[in-house]
Amino acid sequence: MLKLALMKEENLKKPKPEKKIIGRREMVAFPELDIDEIEAKIDTGAYTSAIHCSDIHEETRADGTKVICLDLLDPSHPQYNHKKLTFSDYSLRDIRNSFGDVQERYVIKTMIKLFDELIEAEFSLSDRSDMKYPVLIGRKLLKGRFTVDVSRKNVSLKFNNKQKKNK
């Protein structure tokens, strides 16, 4: 009991990293996916982040390894770059969609840039063509890093523009 009390006291003394404020929508980048700027919806109701993909399918290579292949975004999206992406490091998980239905989706890890910070995060791959925003940022990515101010938008874009201007 004493040990637990000491640990709690020690944790209280540690300075917590300051959380950055973000808005309900933000411009983000995916350096590994060759996307410099794309609009994302911040969704504190979603646990997992998601990114819009099309033609998502699994293939087995000649050596027996399985990979997922996909088009990032789709041909109707203005930032579609015609690149077919392949991932060998992925998982298949049950994800609850916005309607409360459980769907089996592929999940990958990739780097996302928000403000001046590069974060490795998990993204479920889904067809978001009927959604307004191609990227959804969920609680798992936000936790411990960001506070959401729903009255604001593009806070990170404004921050980055200010940083460039001051250089």
N, C-alpha and C. Protein backbone atom coordinates (compact mmCIF):
# COMPACT_ATOMS: atom_id res chain seq x y z
N MET A 1 0.81 -1.18 0.00
CA MET A 1 0.00 0.00 0.00
C MET A 1 0.87 1.26 0.00
N LEU A 2 1.91 1.23 0.83
CA LEU A 2 2.83 2.37 0.91
C LEU A 2 3.54 2.56 -0.42
N LYS A 3 3.93 1.44 -1.04
CA LYS A 3 4.62 1.50 -2.33
C LYS A 3 3.72 2.15 -3.40
N LEU A 4 2.44 1.80 -3.39
CA LEU A 4 1.49 2.37 -4.34
C LEU A 4 1.33 3.87 -4.11
N ALA A 5 1.25 4.28 -2.86
CA ALA A 5 1.13 5.71 -2.53
C ALA A 5 2.37 6.46 -2.99
N LEU A 6 3.55 5.88 -2.81
CA LEU A 6 4.80 6.53 -3.24
C LEU A 6 4.86 6.65 -4.76
N MET A 7 4.38 5.60 -5.46
CA MET A 7 4.38 5.64 -6.92
C MET A 7 3.43 6.73 -7.42
N LYS A 8 2.26 6.87 -6.78
CA LYS A 8 1.32 7.91 -7.18
C LYS A 8 1.91 9.29 -6.96
N GLU A 9 2.59 9.46 -5.81
CA GLU A 9 3.22 10.75 -5.49
C GLU A 9 4.31 11.06 -6.51
N GLU A 10 5.09 10.04 -6.88
CA GLU A 10 6.16 10.22 -7.86
C GLU A 10 5.59 10.62 -9.22
N ASN A 11 4.49 9.99 -9.61
CA ASN A 11 3.84 10.31 -10.90
C ASN A 11 3.30 11.74 -10.90
N LEU A 12 2.83 12.22 -9.75
CA LEU A 12 2.32 13.58 -9.67
C LEU A 12 3.43 14.61 -9.86
N LYS A 13 4.63 14.27 -9.47
CA LYS A 13 5.77 15.18 -9.58
C LYS A 13 6.28 15.30 -11.02
N LYS A 14 6.08 14.25 -11.81
CA LYS A 14 6.55 14.25 -13.20
C LYS A 14 5.75 15.26 -14.01
N PRO A 15 6.43 16.11 -14.76
CA PRO A 15 5.66 17.04 -15.60
C PRO A 15 5.03 16.27 -16.77
N LYS A 16 3.74 16.49 -16.95
CA LYS A 16 3.06 15.83 -18.06
C LYS A 16 3.37 16.61 -19.34
N PRO A 17 3.57 15.89 -20.45
CA PRO A 17 3.83 16.61 -21.70
C PRO A 17 2.63 17.48 -22.05
N GLU A 18 2.89 18.68 -22.52
CA GLU A 18 1.81 19.59 -22.85
C GLU A 18 1.09 19.12 -24.10
N LYS A 19 -0.23 19.06 -24.00
CA LYS A 19 -1.04 18.65 -25.15
C LYS A 19 -1.26 19.85 -26.06
N LYS A 20 -1.18 19.58 -27.35
CA LYS A 20 -1.46 20.63 -28.33
C LYS A 20 -2.96 20.66 -28.59
N ILE A 21 -3.45 21.85 -28.90
CA ILE A 21 -4.87 22.00 -29.23
C ILE A 21 -5.04 21.83 -30.73
N ILE A 22 -6.00 20.99 -31.11
CA ILE A 22 -6.33 20.83 -32.52
C ILE A 22 -7.81 21.11 -32.70
N GLY A 23 -8.20 21.37 -33.92
CA GLY A 23 -9.60 21.67 -34.23
C GLY A 23 -10.36 20.45 -34.68
N ARG A 24 -11.59 20.67 -35.10
CA ARG A 24 -12.45 19.55 -35.54
C ARG A 24 -12.03 19.00 -36.89
N ARG A 25 -11.28 19.80 -37.64
CA ARG A 25 -10.70 19.36 -38.92
C ARG A 25 -9.25 19.84 -38.94
N GLU A 26 -8.37 19.03 -39.51
CA GLU A 26 -6.96 19.39 -39.58
C GLU A 26 -6.36 18.91 -40.90
N MET A 27 -5.37 19.64 -41.37
CA MET A 27 -4.61 19.20 -42.52
C MET A 27 -3.45 18.35 -42.00
N VAL A 28 -3.31 17.15 -42.54
CA VAL A 28 -2.27 16.23 -42.10
C VAL A 28 -1.46 15.78 -43.31
N ALA A 29 -0.31 15.16 -43.03
CA ALA A 29 0.53 14.61 -44.10
C ALA A 29 0.85 13.16 -43.77
N PHE A 30 1.08 12.37 -44.81
CA PHE A 30 1.51 10.99 -44.68
C PHE A 30 2.80 10.82 -45.48
N PRO A 31 3.96 11.10 -44.88
CA PRO A 31 5.22 11.07 -45.62
C PRO A 31 5.51 9.73 -46.30
N GLU A 32 5.21 8.62 -45.62
CA GLU A 32 5.49 7.30 -46.19
C GLU A 32 4.55 6.94 -47.34
N LEU A 33 3.41 7.63 -47.41
CA LEU A 33 2.42 7.35 -48.45
C LEU A 33 2.45 8.41 -49.55
N ASP A 34 3.40 9.33 -49.45
CA ASP A 34 3.61 10.37 -50.46
C ASP A 34 2.42 11.34 -50.55
N ILE A 35 1.85 11.69 -49.40
CA ILE A 35 0.78 12.70 -49.35
C ILE A 35 1.25 13.83 -48.45
N ASP A 36 1.36 15.02 -49.03
CA ASP A 36 1.88 16.18 -48.30
C ASP A 36 0.82 16.89 -47.47
N GLU A 37 -0.40 16.91 -47.95
CA GLU A 37 -1.44 17.64 -47.24
C GLU A 37 -2.81 17.10 -47.63
N ILE A 38 -3.55 16.63 -46.62
CA ILE A 38 -4.89 16.12 -46.87
C ILE A 38 -5.75 16.42 -45.64
N GLU A 39 -7.02 16.68 -45.88
CA GLU A 39 -7.90 17.08 -44.79
C GLU A 39 -8.39 15.85 -44.01
N ALA A 40 -8.31 15.98 -42.68
CA ALA A 40 -8.75 14.91 -41.79
C ALA A 40 -9.81 15.42 -40.84
N LYS A 41 -10.77 14.57 -40.54
CA LYS A 41 -11.79 14.89 -39.54
C LYS A 41 -11.31 14.32 -38.21
N ILE A 42 -11.39 15.12 -37.17
CA ILE A 42 -11.03 14.65 -35.84
C ILE A 42 -12.31 14.09 -35.22
N ASP A 43 -12.27 12.81 -34.83
CA ASP A 43 -13.47 12.14 -34.34
C ASP A 43 -13.18 11.45 -33.02
N THR A 44 -13.55 12.12 -31.92
CA THR A 44 -13.31 11.55 -30.60
C THR A 44 -14.24 10.38 -30.30
N GLY A 45 -15.23 10.17 -31.15
CA GLY A 45 -16.12 9.02 -30.99
C GLY A 45 -15.54 7.75 -31.59
N ALA A 46 -14.55 7.91 -32.46
CA ALA A 46 -13.92 6.75 -33.11
C ALA A 46 -12.67 6.35 -32.32
N TYR A 47 -12.47 5.07 -32.12
CA TYR A 47 -11.27 4.61 -31.42
C TYR A 47 -10.09 4.59 -32.38
N THR A 48 -10.26 3.93 -33.51
CA THR A 48 -9.20 3.74 -34.49
C THR A 48 -9.29 4.81 -35.58
N SER A 49 -8.15 5.27 -36.04
CA SER A 49 -8.11 6.21 -37.17
C SER A 49 -8.35 5.41 -38.45
N ALA A 50 -8.77 6.10 -39.51
CA ALA A 50 -9.06 5.43 -40.77
C ALA A 50 -8.59 6.30 -41.93
N ILE A 51 -8.27 5.64 -43.03
CA ILE A 51 -7.87 6.34 -44.24
C ILE A 51 -8.60 5.72 -45.43
N HIS A 52 -9.00 6.59 -46.36
CA HIS A 52 -9.77 6.14 -47.52
C HIS A 52 -8.87 5.42 -48.53
N CYS A 53 -9.28 4.22 -48.89
CA CYS A 53 -8.57 3.40 -49.89
C CYS A 53 -9.60 2.73 -50.78
N SER A 54 -9.14 2.34 -51.95
CA SER A 54 -10.00 1.58 -52.85
C SER A 54 -9.21 0.38 -53.37
N ASP A 55 -9.92 -0.54 -53.95
CA ASP A 55 -9.33 -1.78 -54.48
C ASP A 55 -8.42 -2.46 -53.45
N ILE A 56 -8.93 -2.64 -52.25
CA ILE A 56 -8.17 -3.28 -51.16
C ILE A 56 -8.32 -4.79 -51.31
N HIS A 57 -7.20 -5.48 -51.47
CA HIS A 57 -7.27 -6.94 -51.57
C HIS A 57 -5.97 -7.58 -51.11
N GLU A 58 -6.09 -8.82 -50.71
CA GLU A 58 -4.93 -9.57 -50.24
C GLU A 58 -4.40 -10.44 -51.37
N GLU A 59 -3.09 -10.50 -51.48
CA GLU A 59 -2.44 -11.35 -52.49
C GLU A 59 -1.39 -12.22 -51.81
N THR A 60 -1.14 -13.36 -52.41
CA THR A 60 -0.08 -14.23 -51.92
C THR A 60 1.04 -14.22 -52.95
N ARG A 61 2.23 -13.84 -52.49
CA ARG A 61 3.39 -13.78 -53.40
C ARG A 61 3.91 -15.18 -53.68
N ALA A 62 4.81 -15.26 -54.65
CA ALA A 62 5.36 -16.55 -55.07
C ALA A 62 6.05 -17.28 -53.90
N ASP A 63 6.64 -16.52 -52.97
CA ASP A 63 7.33 -17.15 -51.83
C ASP A 63 6.36 -17.53 -50.71
N GLY A 64 5.05 -17.28 -50.91
CA GLY A 64 4.05 -17.67 -49.92
C GLY A 64 3.66 -16.57 -48.94
N THR A 65 4.37 -15.45 -48.96
CA THR A 65 4.01 -14.37 -48.04
C THR A 65 2.76 -13.65 -48.53
N LYS A 66 1.95 -13.25 -47.58
CA LYS A 66 0.72 -12.53 -47.92
C LYS A 66 0.95 -11.03 -47.78
N VAL A 67 0.37 -10.27 -48.69
CA VAL A 67 0.45 -8.81 -48.66
C VAL A 67 -0.94 -8.26 -48.97
N ILE A 68 -1.18 -7.02 -48.54
CA ILE A 68 -2.39 -6.35 -48.98
C ILE A 68 -1.99 -5.31 -50.01
N CYS A 69 -2.80 -5.19 -51.03
CA CYS A 69 -2.57 -4.23 -52.10
C CYS A 69 -3.77 -3.28 -52.12
N LEU A 70 -3.50 -2.02 -52.45
CA LEU A 70 -4.58 -1.04 -52.43
C LEU A 70 -4.21 0.19 -53.23
N ASP A 71 -5.23 0.96 -53.54
CA ASP A 71 -5.07 2.30 -54.09
C ASP A 71 -5.38 3.25 -52.95
N LEU A 72 -4.48 4.16 -52.68
CA LEU A 72 -4.76 5.18 -51.67
C LEU A 72 -5.72 6.17 -52.29
N LEU A 73 -6.80 6.46 -51.59
CA LEU A 73 -7.89 7.29 -52.10
C LEU A 73 -8.57 6.55 -53.26
N ASP A 74 -9.10 7.25 -54.23
CA ASP A 74 -9.68 6.62 -55.42
C ASP A 74 -9.59 7.61 -56.57
N PRO A 75 -9.77 7.15 -57.81
CA PRO A 75 -9.57 8.02 -58.97
C PRO A 75 -10.40 9.30 -58.97
N SER A 76 -11.52 9.35 -58.25
CA SER A 76 -12.33 10.57 -58.24
C SER A 76 -11.81 11.63 -57.26
N HIS A 77 -10.87 11.24 -56.39
CA HIS A 77 -10.34 12.18 -55.39
C HIS A 77 -9.25 13.05 -56.02
N PRO A 78 -9.26 14.37 -55.78
CA PRO A 78 -8.28 15.27 -56.40
C PRO A 78 -6.81 14.96 -56.04
N GLN A 79 -6.57 14.29 -54.92
CA GLN A 79 -5.19 13.98 -54.53
C GLN A 79 -4.78 12.54 -54.86
N TYR A 80 -5.60 11.86 -55.61
CA TYR A 80 -5.28 10.49 -56.03
C TYR A 80 -4.00 10.52 -56.86
N ASN A 81 -3.03 9.67 -56.50
CA ASN A 81 -1.74 9.73 -57.20
C ASN A 81 -1.43 8.49 -58.05
N HIS A 82 -2.41 7.66 -58.28
CA HIS A 82 -2.28 6.48 -59.16
C HIS A 82 -1.24 5.46 -58.67
N LYS A 83 -0.81 5.57 -57.43
CA LYS A 83 0.18 4.63 -56.91
C LYS A 83 -0.51 3.47 -56.23
N LYS A 84 -0.13 2.27 -56.62
CA LYS A 84 -0.60 1.06 -55.97
C LYS A 84 0.33 0.81 -54.79
N LEU A 85 -0.22 0.68 -53.61
CA LEU A 85 0.59 0.45 -52.42
C LEU A 85 0.47 -1.00 -51.98
N THR A 86 1.54 -1.52 -51.42
CA THR A 86 1.58 -2.89 -50.93
C THR A 86 2.14 -2.88 -49.51
N PHE A 87 1.49 -3.61 -48.62
CA PHE A 87 1.94 -3.71 -47.23
C PHE A 87 2.05 -5.18 -46.83
N SER A 88 3.19 -5.54 -46.25
CA SER A 88 3.34 -6.90 -45.75
C SER A 88 3.09 -6.95 -44.24
N ASP A 89 3.19 -5.79 -43.57
CA ASP A 89 2.95 -5.70 -42.14
C ASP A 89 1.55 -5.10 -41.93
N TYR A 90 0.60 -5.95 -41.63
CA TYR A 90 -0.79 -5.51 -41.46
C TYR A 90 -1.52 -6.52 -40.60
N SER A 91 -2.71 -6.15 -40.17
CA SER A 91 -3.56 -7.08 -39.43
C SER A 91 -4.99 -6.94 -39.94
N LEU A 92 -5.80 -7.88 -39.58
CA LEU A 92 -7.22 -7.87 -39.94
C LEU A 92 -7.99 -7.82 -38.63
N ARG A 93 -8.82 -6.78 -38.45
CA ARG A 93 -9.51 -6.59 -37.18
C ARG A 93 -10.99 -6.27 -37.37
N ASP A 94 -11.74 -6.51 -36.32
CA ASP A 94 -13.14 -6.09 -36.30
C ASP A 94 -13.18 -4.63 -35.86
N ILE A 95 -13.75 -3.78 -36.69
CA ILE A 95 -13.87 -2.35 -36.41
C ILE A 95 -15.35 -1.98 -36.47
N ARG A 96 -15.81 -1.23 -35.48
CA ARG A 96 -17.20 -0.78 -35.47
C ARG A 96 -17.30 0.50 -36.31
N ASN A 97 -18.17 0.51 -37.30
CA ASN A 97 -18.31 1.69 -38.16
C ASN A 97 -19.23 2.73 -37.51
N SER A 98 -19.43 3.83 -38.19
CA SER A 98 -20.22 4.94 -37.63
C SER A 98 -21.69 4.58 -37.41
N PHE A 99 -22.15 3.52 -38.03
CA PHE A 99 -23.53 3.07 -37.85
C PHE A 99 -23.66 2.03 -36.73
N GLY A 100 -22.53 1.68 -36.13
CA GLY A 100 -22.53 0.70 -35.05
C GLY A 100 -22.35 -0.73 -35.51
N ASP A 101 -22.21 -0.93 -36.82
CA ASP A 101 -22.01 -2.28 -37.36
C ASP A 101 -20.53 -2.65 -37.29
N VAL A 102 -20.26 -3.92 -37.03
CA VAL A 102 -18.88 -4.39 -36.98
C VAL A 102 -18.47 -4.86 -38.37
N GLN A 103 -17.32 -4.34 -38.83
CA GLN A 103 -16.76 -4.73 -40.13
C GLN A 103 -15.35 -5.26 -39.92
N GLU A 104 -14.97 -6.23 -40.74
CA GLU A 104 -13.60 -6.71 -40.71
C GLU A 104 -12.79 -5.81 -41.65
N ARG A 105 -11.73 -5.19 -41.11
CA ARG A 105 -10.92 -4.28 -41.92
C ARG A 105 -9.44 -4.56 -41.74
N TYR A 106 -8.69 -4.26 -42.78
CA TYR A 106 -7.23 -4.32 -42.68
C TYR A 106 -6.76 -3.09 -41.93
N VAL A 107 -5.72 -3.27 -41.12
CA VAL A 107 -5.13 -2.16 -40.36
C VAL A 107 -3.64 -2.15 -40.62
N ILE A 108 -3.11 -0.96 -40.92
CA ILE A 108 -1.67 -0.79 -41.17
C ILE A 108 -1.12 0.24 -40.19
N LYS A 109 0.19 0.25 -40.05
CA LYS A 109 0.87 1.30 -39.30
C LYS A 109 1.61 2.17 -40.31
N THR A 110 1.49 3.49 -40.13
CA THR A 110 2.22 4.41 -40.98
C THR A 110 2.46 5.70 -40.21
N MET A 111 3.33 6.53 -40.72
CA MET A 111 3.63 7.81 -40.08
C MET A 111 2.64 8.87 -40.55
N ILE A 112 2.18 9.68 -39.59
CA ILE A 112 1.33 10.82 -39.91
C ILE A 112 2.01 12.05 -39.32
N LYS A 113 1.95 13.14 -40.06
CA LYS A 113 2.53 14.39 -39.56
C LYS A 113 1.40 15.34 -39.23
N LEU A 114 1.40 15.79 -37.98
CA LEU A 114 0.40 16.71 -37.48
C LEU A 114 1.17 17.74 -36.67
N PHE A 115 1.02 19.02 -36.98
CA PHE A 115 1.88 20.08 -36.48
C PHE A 115 3.28 19.75 -36.99
N ASP A 116 4.28 19.82 -36.14
CA ASP A 116 5.64 19.49 -36.56
C ASP A 116 6.03 18.12 -36.03
N GLU A 117 5.03 17.33 -35.66
CA GLU A 117 5.26 16.05 -35.02
C GLU A 117 4.97 14.88 -35.95
N LEU A 118 5.92 13.95 -36.03
CA LEU A 118 5.71 12.71 -36.77
C LEU A 118 5.28 11.64 -35.78
N ILE A 119 4.17 10.99 -36.07
CA ILE A 119 3.60 10.00 -35.15
C ILE A 119 3.35 8.72 -35.93
N GLU A 120 3.84 7.60 -35.38
CA GLU A 120 3.49 6.31 -35.98
C GLU A 120 2.12 5.92 -35.42
N ALA A 121 1.19 5.63 -36.30
CA ALA A 121 -0.17 5.33 -35.85
C ALA A 121 -0.78 4.23 -36.71
N GLU A 122 -1.82 3.61 -36.15
CA GLU A 122 -2.56 2.59 -36.88
C GLU A 122 -3.73 3.23 -37.61
N PHE A 123 -3.96 2.78 -38.83
CA PHE A 123 -5.08 3.26 -39.64
C PHE A 123 -5.81 2.07 -40.22
N SER A 124 -7.12 2.05 -40.05
CA SER A 124 -7.90 1.02 -40.72
C SER A 124 -8.11 1.50 -42.15
N LEU A 125 -8.15 0.56 -43.07
CA LEU A 125 -8.31 0.88 -44.49
C LEU A 125 -9.77 0.65 -44.85
N SER A 126 -10.41 1.70 -45.34
CA SER A 126 -11.82 1.54 -45.69
C SER A 126 -12.20 2.44 -46.84
N ASP A 127 -13.29 2.09 -47.48
CA ASP A 127 -13.83 2.91 -48.56
C ASP A 127 -14.62 4.04 -47.91
N ARG A 128 -14.05 5.23 -47.93
CA ARG A 128 -14.70 6.41 -47.35
C ARG A 128 -15.19 7.34 -48.46
N SER A 129 -15.42 6.79 -49.66
CA SER A 129 -15.81 7.63 -50.79
C SER A 129 -17.14 8.36 -50.56
N ASP A 130 -17.98 7.78 -49.71
CA ASP A 130 -19.26 8.44 -49.42
C ASP A 130 -19.16 9.40 -48.23
N MET A 131 -17.95 9.54 -47.69
CA MET A 131 -17.71 10.44 -46.55
C MET A 131 -17.08 11.73 -47.05
N LYS A 132 -17.28 12.82 -46.31
CA LYS A 132 -16.74 14.12 -46.71
C LYS A 132 -15.22 14.19 -46.57
N TYR A 133 -14.68 13.51 -45.56
CA TYR A 133 -13.24 13.58 -45.29
C TYR A 133 -12.59 12.22 -45.52
N PRO A 134 -11.49 12.18 -46.27
CA PRO A 134 -10.84 10.91 -46.57
C PRO A 134 -10.06 10.31 -45.40
N VAL A 135 -9.78 11.12 -44.39
CA VAL A 135 -9.01 10.64 -43.23
C VAL A 135 -9.81 10.95 -41.97
N LEU A 136 -9.82 9.98 -41.07
CA LEU A 136 -10.48 10.15 -39.78
C LEU A 136 -9.42 9.90 -38.70
N ILE A 137 -9.30 10.82 -37.77
CA ILE A 137 -8.35 10.67 -36.67
C ILE A 137 -9.14 10.30 -35.42
N GLY A 138 -8.84 9.14 -34.84
CA GLY A 138 -9.56 8.64 -33.69
C GLY A 138 -8.84 8.84 -32.37
N ARG A 139 -9.50 8.39 -31.30
CA ARG A 139 -8.99 8.60 -29.93
C ARG A 139 -7.63 7.99 -29.68
N LYS A 140 -7.36 6.85 -30.26
CA LYS A 140 -6.10 6.16 -29.98
C LYS A 140 -4.90 7.04 -30.38
N LEU A 141 -5.01 7.76 -31.48
CA LEU A 141 -3.94 8.66 -31.92
C LEU A 141 -3.93 9.94 -31.08
N LEU A 142 -5.10 10.42 -30.69
CA LEU A 142 -5.22 11.69 -29.96
C LEU A 142 -4.76 11.60 -28.51
N LYS A 143 -5.00 10.45 -27.88
CA LYS A 143 -4.81 10.30 -26.44
C LYS A 143 -3.41 10.68 -25.98
N GLY A 144 -3.37 11.59 -25.01
CA GLY A 144 -2.10 12.01 -24.42
C GLY A 144 -1.34 13.03 -25.23
N ARG A 145 -1.80 13.33 -26.46
CA ARG A 145 -1.08 14.25 -27.34
C ARG A 145 -1.83 15.54 -27.62
N PHE A 146 -3.16 15.41 -27.79
CA PHE A 146 -3.95 16.53 -28.28
C PHE A 146 -5.23 16.74 -27.46
N THR A 147 -5.65 17.99 -27.42
CA THR A 147 -6.96 18.37 -26.90
C THR A 147 -7.73 18.95 -28.07
N VAL A 148 -8.98 18.53 -28.23
CA VAL A 148 -9.77 18.97 -29.37
C VAL A 148 -10.65 20.16 -28.98
N ASP A 149 -10.52 21.24 -29.74
CA ASP A 149 -11.38 22.41 -29.59
C ASP A 149 -12.28 22.42 -30.82
N VAL A 150 -13.54 22.03 -30.63
CA VAL A 150 -14.45 21.87 -31.77
C VAL A 150 -14.83 23.19 -32.43
N SER A 151 -14.53 24.31 -31.77
CA SER A 151 -14.83 25.61 -32.38
C SER A 151 -13.75 26.05 -33.35
N ARG A 152 -12.66 25.27 -33.43
CA ARG A 152 -11.54 25.65 -34.30
C ARG A 152 -11.33 24.62 -35.40
N LYS A 153 -10.60 25.03 -36.44
CA LYS A 153 -10.20 24.10 -37.50
C LYS A 153 -8.88 24.55 -38.10
N ASN A 154 -8.15 23.58 -38.65
CA ASN A 154 -6.85 23.81 -39.30
C ASN A 154 -5.85 24.53 -38.40
N VAL A 155 -5.84 24.20 -37.13
CA VAL A 155 -4.90 24.80 -36.18
C VAL A 155 -3.47 24.42 -36.56
N SER A 156 -3.24 23.16 -36.92
CA SER A 156 -1.89 22.71 -37.27
C SER A 156 -1.40 23.38 -38.55
N LEU A 157 -2.28 23.57 -39.52
CA LEU A 157 -1.90 24.24 -40.77
C LEU A 157 -1.47 25.68 -40.48
N LYS A 158 -2.24 26.37 -39.66
CA LYS A 158 -1.90 27.75 -39.29
C LYS A 158 -0.58 27.79 -38.53
N PHE A 159 -0.36 26.83 -37.64
CA PHE A 159 0.89 26.73 -36.89
C PHE A 159 2.07 26.53 -37.85
N ASN A 160 1.92 25.57 -38.78
CA ASN A 160 3.00 25.28 -39.73
C ASN A 160 3.29 26.48 -40.63
N ASN A 161 2.25 27.17 -41.08
CA ASN A 161 2.45 28.36 -41.92
C ASN A 161 3.19 29.45 -41.15
N LYS A 162 2.85 29.60 -39.87
CA LYS A 162 3.52 30.60 -39.03
C LYS A 162 4.99 30.24 -38.84
N GLN A 163 5.27 28.95 -38.66
CA GLN A 163 6.65 28.48 -38.48
C GLN A 163 7.48 28.78 -39.74
N LYS A 164 6.90 28.51 -40.91
CA LYS A 164 7.60 28.78 -42.19
C LYS A 164 7.87 30.26 -42.35
N LYS A 165 6.91 31.07 -41.96
CA LYS A 165 7.02 32.52 -42.10
C LYS A 165 8.12 33.09 -41.22
N ASN A 166 8.29 32.49 -40.03
CA ASN A 166 9.29 32.96 -39.06
C ASN A 166 10.71 32.48 -39.35
N LYS A 167 10.88 31.63 -40.33
CA LYS A 167 12.23 31.12 -40.66
C LYS A 167 12.99 32.09 -41.52
